Amino acid sequence: MLENTRQNIIDAAIFIFNEDLSAPLEKVADKASVTRRTLHRYFSDREDLLRNCRQEMQKSCGRSMSAAYQYSDDPLIQLEQLVYAGVDCGVKYAFLHKLHHLHGHEHIHADSECARYDETFEGMRKIIRALHIKGIISKGLTTEWISVFFPAVVNATVNLHTSGSVALDDLRKFAWYSFSSGIGI
């Protein structure tokens, strides 16, 4: 029960803070259906809650991305599975990416959080490079551009999913179609 409450607060915070990083903790407590006092039993302050959100998102996205890499030896299939993994991670992926790319965030490879983030997404860069070498991805697009385009497609899909107007299976197909078309596959 205690772990469920803790996880519920983290999930609520990820959802609320993805929408508005400056949202009051009362809004997180309301979304989690707990009191502010209960929230503070689990997390000492906003930074503690954000730190736990980051850890949860990193763990969840890392598992999903790892499963995508292991799904097949074919880099094109792996890339498709990575799109699905990003979509399935949903708001956790969107918020993790947003936190890591906030204005003022100084990326330091030696920092453990930055290193985990890099590790989670370096596999995608390797896949993109392999597909470039095979001539499957448009030669006119750089790995860096594709790496920035990827979260844009995932974030658009997550935003549409949050609205509830399109079924998740359709969203996954739309995301892959948009991404693969956008990189010349």
Foldseek 3Di string as FASTA:
>chain_A
DLVVLLVLLLVLLLVVCLVPVPDDSCSSCVSSVHGSVSVCVNAVDSVRSVVVNLVVLLVQLLVQLVCLPVVDVQLVSSLLSNLLSLLVSFSSNSSNVCVCPPVPRDQDCVDPSSVSVCVSCVVVLVSVVVCVVVVLFDVVDDSVNLSVVSSVLSNVLSVVVVVVPDDSVVSSVVSSVVSSVVRRD
